[in-house]
PDB file of N, CA and C in Angstrom:
ATOM      1  N   MET A   1     119.182  79.623 117.349  1.00  0.00           N
ATOM      2  CA  MET A   1     118.164  80.637 117.600  1.00  0.00           C
ATOM      3  C   MET A   1     116.775  80.040 117.368  1.00  0.00           C
ATOM      4  N   THR A   2     115.857  80.359 118.229  1.00  0.00           N
ATOM      5  CA  THR A   2     114.488  79.869 118.145  1.00  0.00           C
ATOM      6  C   THR A   2     113.733  80.612 117.056  1.00  0.00           C
ATOM      7  N   LYS A   3     112.993  79.863 116.241  1.00  0.00           N
ATOM      8  CA  LYS A   3     112.185  80.501 115.203  1.00  0.00           C
ATOM      9  C   LYS A   3     110.972  81.152 115.856  1.00  0.00           C
ATOM     10  N   ILE A   4     110.736  82.387 115.500  1.00  0.00           N
ATOM     11  CA  ILE A   4     109.593  83.128 116.031  1.00  0.00           C
ATOM     12  C   ILE A   4     108.553  83.227 114.925  1.00  0.00           C
ATOM     13  N   THR A   5     107.377  82.718 115.201  1.00  0.00           N
ATOM     14  CA  THR A   5     106.306  82.667 114.211  1.00  0.00           C
ATOM     15  C   THR A   5     105.418  83.908 114.324  1.00  0.00           C
ATOM     16  N   PRO A   6     104.608  84.160 113.299  1.00  0.00           N
ATOM     17  CA  PRO A   6     103.634  85.255 113.401  1.00  0.00           C
ATOM     18  C   PRO A   6     102.695  85.067 114.594  1.00  0.00           C
ATOM     19  N   GLU A   7     102.352  83.814 114.892  1.00  0.00           N
ATOM     20  CA  GLU A   7     101.490  83.541 116.050  1.00  0.00           C
ATOM     21  C   GLU A   7     102.184  83.947 117.345  1.00  0.00           C
ATOM     22  N   ASP A   8     103.499  83.709 117.415  1.00  0.00           N
ATOM     23  CA  ASP A   8     104.266  84.133 118.590  1.00  0.00           C
ATOM     24  C   ASP A   8     104.207  85.648 118.752  1.00  0.00           C
ATOM     25  N   LEU A   9     104.315  86.362 117.637  1.00  0.00           N
ATOM     26  CA  LEU A   9     104.270  87.828 117.700  1.00  0.00           C
ATOM     27  C   LEU A   9     102.907  88.321 118.181  1.00  0.00           C
ATOM     28  N   VAL A  10     101.847  87.669 117.733  1.00  0.00           N
ATOM     29  CA  VAL A  10     100.504  88.063 118.178  1.00  0.00           C
ATOM     30  C   VAL A  10     100.364  87.807 119.677  1.00  0.00           C
ATOM     31  N   ARG A  11     100.827  86.654 120.132  1.00  0.00           N
ATOM     32  CA  ARG A  11     100.774  86.362 121.573  1.00  0.00           C
ATOM     33  C   ARG A  11     101.589  87.388 122.359  1.00  0.00           C
ATOM     34  N   TYR A  12     102.741  87.749 121.839  1.00  0.00           N
ATOM     35  CA  TYR A  12     103.594  88.749 122.490  1.00  0.00           C
ATOM     36  C   TYR A  12     102.875  90.099 122.547  1.00  0.00           C
ATOM     37  N   LEU A  13     102.242  90.479 121.459  1.00  0.00           N
ATOM     38  CA  LEU A  13     101.507  91.740 121.390  1.00  0.00           C
ATOM     39  C   LEU A  13     100.437  91.810 122.477  1.00  0.00           C
ATOM     40  N   TYR A  14      99.766  90.700 122.731  1.00  0.00           N
ATOM     41  CA  TYR A  14      98.687  90.657 123.721  1.00  0.00           C
ATOM     42  C   TYR A  14      99.160  90.149 125.091  1.00  0.00           C
ATOM     43  N   ASN A  15     100.482  90.135 125.295  1.00  0.00           N
ATOM     44  CA  ASN A  15     101.072  89.695 126.576  1.00  0.00           C
ATOM     45  C   ASN A  15     100.610  88.298 126.979  1.00  0.00           C
ATOM     46  N   GLU A  16     100.600  87.392 126.023  1.00  0.00           N
ATOM     47  CA  GLU A  16     100.161  86.021 126.282  1.00  0.00           C
ATOM     48  C   GLU A  16     101.297  85.014 126.107  1.00  0.00           C
ATOM     49  N   THR A  17     102.538  85.461 126.271  1.00  0.00           N
ATOM     50  CA  THR A  17     103.682  84.563 126.155  1.00  0.00           C
ATOM     51  C   THR A  17     104.299  84.339 127.524  1.00  0.00           C
ATOM     52  N   SER A  18     104.974  83.210 127.659  1.00  0.00           N
ATOM     53  CA  SER A  18     105.676  82.931 128.913  1.00  0.00           C
ATOM     54  C   SER A  18     106.838  83.910 129.056  1.00  0.00           C
ATOM     55  N   GLY A  19     107.360  84.027 130.253  1.00  0.00           N
ATOM     56  CA  GLY A  19     108.467  84.948 130.503  1.00  0.00           C
ATOM     57  C   GLY A  19     109.674  84.679 129.632  1.00  0.00           C
ATOM     58  N   ARG A  20     110.044  83.403 129.500  1.00  0.00           N
ATOM     59  CA  ARG A  20     111.215  83.041 128.694  1.00  0.00           C
ATOM     60  C   ARG A  20     110.985  83.370 127.213  1.00  0.00           C
ATOM     61  N   LYS A  21     109.811  83.013 126.707  1.00  0.00           N
ATOM     62  CA  LYS A  21     109.507  83.271 125.293  1.00  0.00           C
ATOM     63  C   LYS A  21     109.417  84.774 125.037  1.00  0.00           C
ATOM     64  N   ALA A  22     108.811  85.508 125.960  1.00  0.00           N
ATOM     65  CA  ALA A  22     108.702  86.961 125.803  1.00  0.00           C
ATOM     66  C   ALA A  22     110.085  87.596 125.754  1.00  0.00           C
ATOM     67  N   GLU A  23     110.984  87.122 126.585  1.00  0.00           N
ATOM     68  CA  GLU A  23     112.351  87.659 126.591  1.00  0.00           C
ATOM     69  C   GLU A  23     113.064  87.340 125.280  1.00  0.00           C
ATOM     70  N   THR A  24     112.862  86.129 124.770  1.00  0.00           N
ATOM     71  CA  THR A  24     113.455  85.743 123.487  1.00  0.00           C
ATOM     72  C   THR A  24     112.949  86.648 122.370  1.00  0.00           C
ATOM     73  N   ILE A  25     111.661  86.908 122.360  1.00  0.00           N
ATOM     74  CA  ILE A  25     111.073  87.768 121.328  1.00  0.00           C
ATOM     75  C   ILE A  25     111.572  89.199 121.483  1.00  0.00           C
ATOM     76  N   ARG A  26     111.621  89.682 122.707  1.00  0.00           N
ATOM     77  CA  ARG A  26     112.079  91.053 122.957  1.00  0.00           C
ATOM     78  C   ARG A  26     113.499  91.257 122.428  1.00  0.00           C
ATOM     79  N   ILE A  27     114.367  90.309 122.684  1.00  0.00           N
ATOM     80  CA  ILE A  27     115.749  90.407 122.204  1.00  0.00           C
ATOM     81  C   ILE A  27     115.791  90.318 120.686  1.00  0.00           C
ATOM     82  N   ALA A  28     115.012  89.397 120.121  1.00  0.00           N
ATOM     83  CA  ALA A  28     114.992  89.237 118.663  1.00  0.00           C
ATOM     84  C   ALA A  28     114.483  90.501 117.979  1.00  0.00           C
ATOM     85  N   LEU A  29     113.519  91.172 118.582  1.00  0.00           N
ATOM     86  CA  LEU A  29     112.985  92.405 117.987  1.00  0.00           C
ATOM     87  C   LEU A  29     114.032  93.515 117.941  1.00  0.00           C
ATOM     88  N   GLN A  30     115.017  93.447 118.807  1.00  0.00           N
ATOM     89  CA  GLN A  30     116.075  94.458 118.825  1.00  0.00           C
ATOM     90  C   GLN A  30     117.126  94.222 117.748  1.00  0.00           C
ATOM     91  N   THR A  31     117.223  92.991 117.263  1.00  0.00           N
ATOM     92  CA  THR A  31     118.297  92.662 116.321  1.00  0.00           C
ATOM     93  C   THR A  31     117.815  92.244 114.934  1.00  0.00           C
ATOM     94  N   ASP A  32     116.595  91.766 114.836  1.00  0.00           N
ATOM     95  CA  ASP A  32     116.063  91.271 113.558  1.00  0.00           C
ATOM     96  C   ASP A  32     115.082  92.301 113.011  1.00  0.00           C
ATOM     97  N   TRP A  33     115.526  93.063 112.012  1.00  0.00           N
ATOM     98  CA  TRP A  33     114.711  94.170 111.509  1.00  0.00           C
ATOM     99  C   TRP A  33     113.486  93.698 110.741  1.00  0.00           C
ATOM    100  N   ASP A  34     113.582  92.549 110.085  1.00  0.00           N
ATOM    101  CA  ASP A  34     112.398  92.003 109.402  1.00  0.00           C
ATOM    102  C   ASP A  34     111.329  91.610 110.419  1.00  0.00           C
ATOM    103  N   LEU A  35     111.773  90.995 111.503  1.00  0.00           N
ATOM    104  CA  LEU A  35     110.848  90.626 112.568  1.00  0.00           C
ATOM    105  C   LEU A  35     110.243  91.871 113.195  1.00  0.00           C
ATOM    106  N   ARG A  36     111.072  92.875 113.407  1.00  0.00           N
ATOM    107  CA  ARG A  36     110.601  94.136 113.992  1.00  0.00           C
ATOM    108  C   ARG A  36     109.546  94.781 113.094  1.00  0.00           C
ATOM    109  N   GLU A  37     109.780  94.759 111.799  1.00  0.00           N
ATOM    110  CA  GLU A  37     108.813  95.336 110.856  1.00  0.00           C
ATOM    111  C   GLU A  37     107.484  94.579 110.913  1.00  0.00           C
ATOM    112  N   SER A  38     107.557  93.262 110.977  1.00  0.00           N
ATOM    113  CA  SER A  38     106.333  92.461 111.084  1.00  0.00           C
ATOM    114  C   SER A  38     105.583  92.792 112.365  1.00  0.00           C
ATOM    115  N   TYR A  39     106.320  92.932 113.457  1.00  0.00           N
ATOM    116  CA  TYR A  39     105.694  93.255 114.739  1.00  0.00           C
ATOM    117  C   TYR A  39     105.051  94.638 114.702  1.00  0.00           C
ATOM    118  N   GLU A  40     105.736  95.599 114.119  1.00  0.00           N
ATOM    119  CA  GLU A  40     105.183  96.956 114.040  1.00  0.00           C
ATOM    120  C   GLU A  40     103.908  96.991 113.205  1.00  0.00           C
ATOM    121  N   LYS A  41     103.843  96.183 112.164  1.00  0.00           N
ATOM    122  CA  LYS A  41     102.612  96.094 111.369  1.00  0.00           C
ATOM    123  C   LYS A  41     101.470  95.531 112.210  1.00  0.00           C
ATOM    124  N   LEU A  42     101.783  94.540 113.038  1.00  0.00           N
ATOM    125  CA  LEU A  42     100.761  93.989 113.931  1.00  0.00           C
ATOM    126  C   LEU A  42     100.282  95.034 114.930  1.00  0.00           C
ATOM    127  N   VAL A  43     101.206  95.807 115.469  1.00  0.00           N
ATOM    128  CA  VAL A  43     100.852  96.851 116.437  1.00  0.00           C
ATOM    129  C   VAL A  43      99.920  97.865 115.790  1.00  0.00           C
ATOM    130  N   ILE A  44     100.254  98.315 114.597  1.00  0.00           N
ATOM    131  CA  ILE A  44      99.428  99.296 113.888  1.00  0.00           C
ATOM    132  C   ILE A  44      98.055  98.702 113.571  1.00  0.00           C
ATOM    133  N   SER A  45      98.035  97.458 113.135  1.00  0.00           N
ATOM    134  CA  SER A  45      96.761  96.802 112.825  1.00  0.00           C
ATOM    135  C   SER A  45      95.888  96.704 114.062  1.00  0.00           C
ATOM    136  N   GLU A  46      96.493  96.338 115.186  1.00  0.00           N
ATOM    137  CA  GLU A  46      95.738  96.216 116.437  1.00  0.00           C
ATOM    138  C   GLU A  46      95.173  97.567 116.855  1.00  0.00           C
ATOM    139  N   GLN A  47      95.946  98.616 116.685  1.00  0.00           N
ATOM    140  CA  GLN A  47      95.484  99.959 117.044  1.00  0.00           C
ATOM    141  C   GLN A  47      94.340 100.415 116.144  1.00  0.00           C
ATOM    142  N   ASN A  48      94.365  99.993 114.894  1.00  0.00           N
ATOM    143  CA  ASN A  48      93.332 100.402 113.945  1.00  0.00           C
ATOM    144  C   ASN A  48      92.032  99.617 114.083  1.00  0.00           C
ATOM    145  N   LEU A  49      92.052  98.526 114.822  1.00  0.00           N
ATOM    146  CA  LEU A  49      90.829  97.736 114.995  1.00  0.00           C
ATOM    147  C   LEU A  49      89.704  98.559 115.609  1.00  0.00           C
ATOM    148  N   ASP A  50      90.051  99.456 116.516  1.00  0.00           N
ATOM    149  CA  ASP A  50      89.026 100.281 117.159  1.00  0.00           C
ATOM    150  C   ASP A  50      88.398 101.293 116.201  1.00  0.00           C
ATOM    151  N   ASN A  51      89.046 101.558 115.083  1.00  0.00           N
ATOM    152  CA  ASN A  51      88.544 102.549 114.131  1.00  0.00           C
ATOM    153  C   ASN A  51      87.645 101.949 113.055  1.00  0.00           C
ATOM    154  N   ILE A  52      87.518 100.645 113.051  1.00  0.00           N
ATOM    155  CA  ILE A  52      86.700  99.987 112.034  1.00  0.00           C
ATOM    156  C   ILE A  52      85.232 100.101 112.424  1.00  0.00           C
ATOM    157  N   GLU A  53      84.443 100.584 111.502  1.00  0.00           N
ATOM    158  CA  GLU A  53      83.011 100.695 111.759  1.00  0.00           C
ATOM    159  C   GLU A  53      82.340  99.394 111.347  1.00  0.00           C
ATOM    160  N   LEU A  54      81.744  98.749 112.311  1.00  0.00           N
ATOM    161  CA  LEU A  54      81.056  97.488 112.053  1.00  0.00           C
ATOM    162  C   LEU A  54      79.561  97.720 112.058  1.00  0.00           C
ATOM    163  N   SER A  55      78.878  96.976 111.233  1.00  0.00           N
ATOM    164  CA  SER A  55      77.425  97.091 111.227  1.00  0.00           C
ATOM    165  C   SER A  55      76.825  95.731 111.555  1.00  0.00           C
ATOM    166  N   SER A  56      75.701  95.764 112.186  1.00  0.00           N
ATOM    167  CA  SER A  56      74.997  94.528 112.524  1.00  0.00           C
ATOM    168  C   SER A  56      74.188  94.076 111.321  1.00  0.00           C
ATOM    169  N   PRO A  57      73.943  92.769 111.232  1.00  0.00           N
ATOM    170  CA  PRO A  57      73.088  92.314 110.138  1.00  0.00           C
ATOM    171  C   PRO A  57      71.658  92.799 110.350  1.00  0.00           C
ATOM    172  N   ARG A  58      70.931  92.875 109.263  1.00  0.00           N
ATOM    173  CA  ARG A  58      69.526  93.288 109.362  1.00  0.00           C
ATOM    174  C   ARG A  58      68.750  92.273 110.182  1.00  0.00           C
ATOM    175  N   PRO A  59      67.718  92.707 110.883  1.00  0.00           N
ATOM    176  CA  PRO A  59      66.904  91.771 111.675  1.00  0.00           C
ATOM    177  C   PRO A  59      66.329  90.637 110.826  1.00  0.00           C
ATOM    178  N   GLU A  60      65.985  90.934 109.568  1.00  0.00           N
ATOM    179  CA  GLU A  60      65.439  89.894 108.692  1.00  0.00           C
ATOM    180  C   GLU A  60      66.459  88.778 108.480  1.00  0.00           C
ATOM    181  N   THR A  61      67.703  89.148 108.342  1.00  0.00           N
ATOM    182  CA  THR A  61      68.761  88.159 108.139  1.00  0.00           C
ATOM    183  C   THR A  61      68.916  87.288 109.376  1.00  0.00           C
ATOM    184  N   VAL A  62      68.945  87.921 110.530  1.00  0.00           N
ATOM    185  CA  VAL A  62      69.061  87.175 111.785  1.00  0.00           C
ATOM    186  C   VAL A  62      67.881  86.226 111.948  1.00  0.00           C
ATOM    187  N   ASN A  63      66.686  86.698 111.653  1.00  0.00           N
ATOM    188  CA  ASN A  63      65.494  85.856 111.784  1.00  0.00           C
ATOM    189  C   ASN A  63      65.533  84.662 110.840  1.00  0.00           C
ATOM    190  N   LYS A  64      66.022  84.863 109.621  1.00  0.00           N
ATOM    191  CA  LYS A  64      66.126  83.748 108.676  1.00  0.00           C
ATOM    192  C   LYS A  64      67.116  82.700 109.182  1.00  0.00           C
ATOM    193  N   ILE A  65      68.220  83.147 109.735  1.00  0.00           N
ATOM    194  CA  ILE A  65      69.217  82.216 110.273  1.00  0.00           C
ATOM    195  C   ILE A  65      68.639  81.443 111.453  1.00  0.00           C
ATOM    196  N   LEU A  66      67.978  82.145 112.348  1.00  0.00           N
ATOM    197  CA  LEU A  66      67.373  81.483 113.505  1.00  0.00           C
ATOM    198  C   LEU A  66      66.287  80.503 113.080  1.00  0.00           C
ATOM    199  N   ASP A  67      65.505  80.884 112.087  1.00  0.00           N
ATOM    200  CA  ASP A  67      64.457  80.000 111.585  1.00  0.00           C
ATOM    201  C   ASP A  67      65.074  78.743 110.985  1.00  0.00           C
ATOM    202  N   TYR A  68      66.097  78.914 110.187  1.00  0.00           N
ATOM    203  CA  TYR A  68      66.779  77.771 109.580  1.00  0.00           C
ATOM    204  C   TYR A  68      67.376  76.867 110.664  1.00  0.00           C
ATOM    205  N   ALA A  69      68.013  77.468 111.655  1.00  0.00           N
ATOM    206  CA  ALA A  69      68.642  76.688 112.724  1.00  0.00           C
ATOM    207  C   ALA A  69      67.617  75.908 113.528  1.00  0.00           C
ATOM    208  N   SER A  70      66.441  76.475 113.717  1.00  0.00           N
ATOM    209  CA  SER A  70      65.425  75.775 114.508  1.00  0.00           C
ATOM    210  C   SER A  70      64.847  74.584 113.751  1.00  0.00           C
ATOM    211  N   LYS A  71      64.903  74.599 112.432  1.00  0.00           N
ATOM    212  CA  LYS A  71      64.372  73.500 111.626  1.00  0.00           C
ATOM    213  C   LYS A  71      65.407  72.411 111.391  1.00  0.00           C
ATOM    214  N   LYS A  72      66.670  72.742 111.504  1.00  0.00           N
ATOM    215  CA  LYS A  72      67.744  71.793 111.231  1.00  0.00           C
ATOM    216  C   LYS A  72      67.873  70.837 112.405  1.00  0.00           C
ATOM    217  N   ARG A  73      67.682  69.565 112.137  1.00  0.00           N
ATOM    218  CA  ARG A  73      67.778  68.557 113.187  1.00  0.00           C
ATOM    219  C   ARG A  73      68.950  67.636 112.868  1.00  0.00           C
ATOM    220  N   VAL A  74      69.804  67.475 113.839  1.00  0.00           N
ATOM    221  CA  VAL A  74      70.943  66.575 113.680  1.00  0.00           C
ATOM    222  C   VAL A  74      70.636  65.305 114.456  1.00  0.00           C
ATOM    223  N   PRO A  75      70.663  64.158 113.775  1.00  0.00           N
ATOM    224  CA  PRO A  75      70.359  62.912 114.482  1.00  0.00           C
ATOM    225  C   PRO A  75      71.433  62.610 115.537  1.00  0.00           C
ATOM    226  N   VAL A  76      70.978  62.134 116.677  1.00  0.00           N
ATOM    227  CA  VAL A  76      71.894  61.754 117.748  1.00  0.00           C
ATOM    228  C   VAL A  76      72.322  60.321 117.515  1.00  0.00           C
ATOM    229  N   THR A  77      73.615  60.082 117.544  1.00  0.00           N
ATOM    230  CA  THR A  77      74.112  58.713 117.329  1.00  0.00           C
ATOM    231  C   THR A  77      74.716  58.148 118.578  1.00  0.00           C
TER     232      THR A  77
END
């Protein structure tokens, strides 16, 4: 049996797996309850991402970062 990693589950969740790998994961989710539980947690987490309230940094913070970046010179080798 092929080992299914957490990264594989994330790819499966976002439909980014090949047909063969997706089929392997789909079958494994039907028989491996620990894997199924991990996948369900990922599904719930993905659904909750839209509910997270994000705030932008203050303009002063952005300006300080931009000012610092404009002064930082990396020598070309």
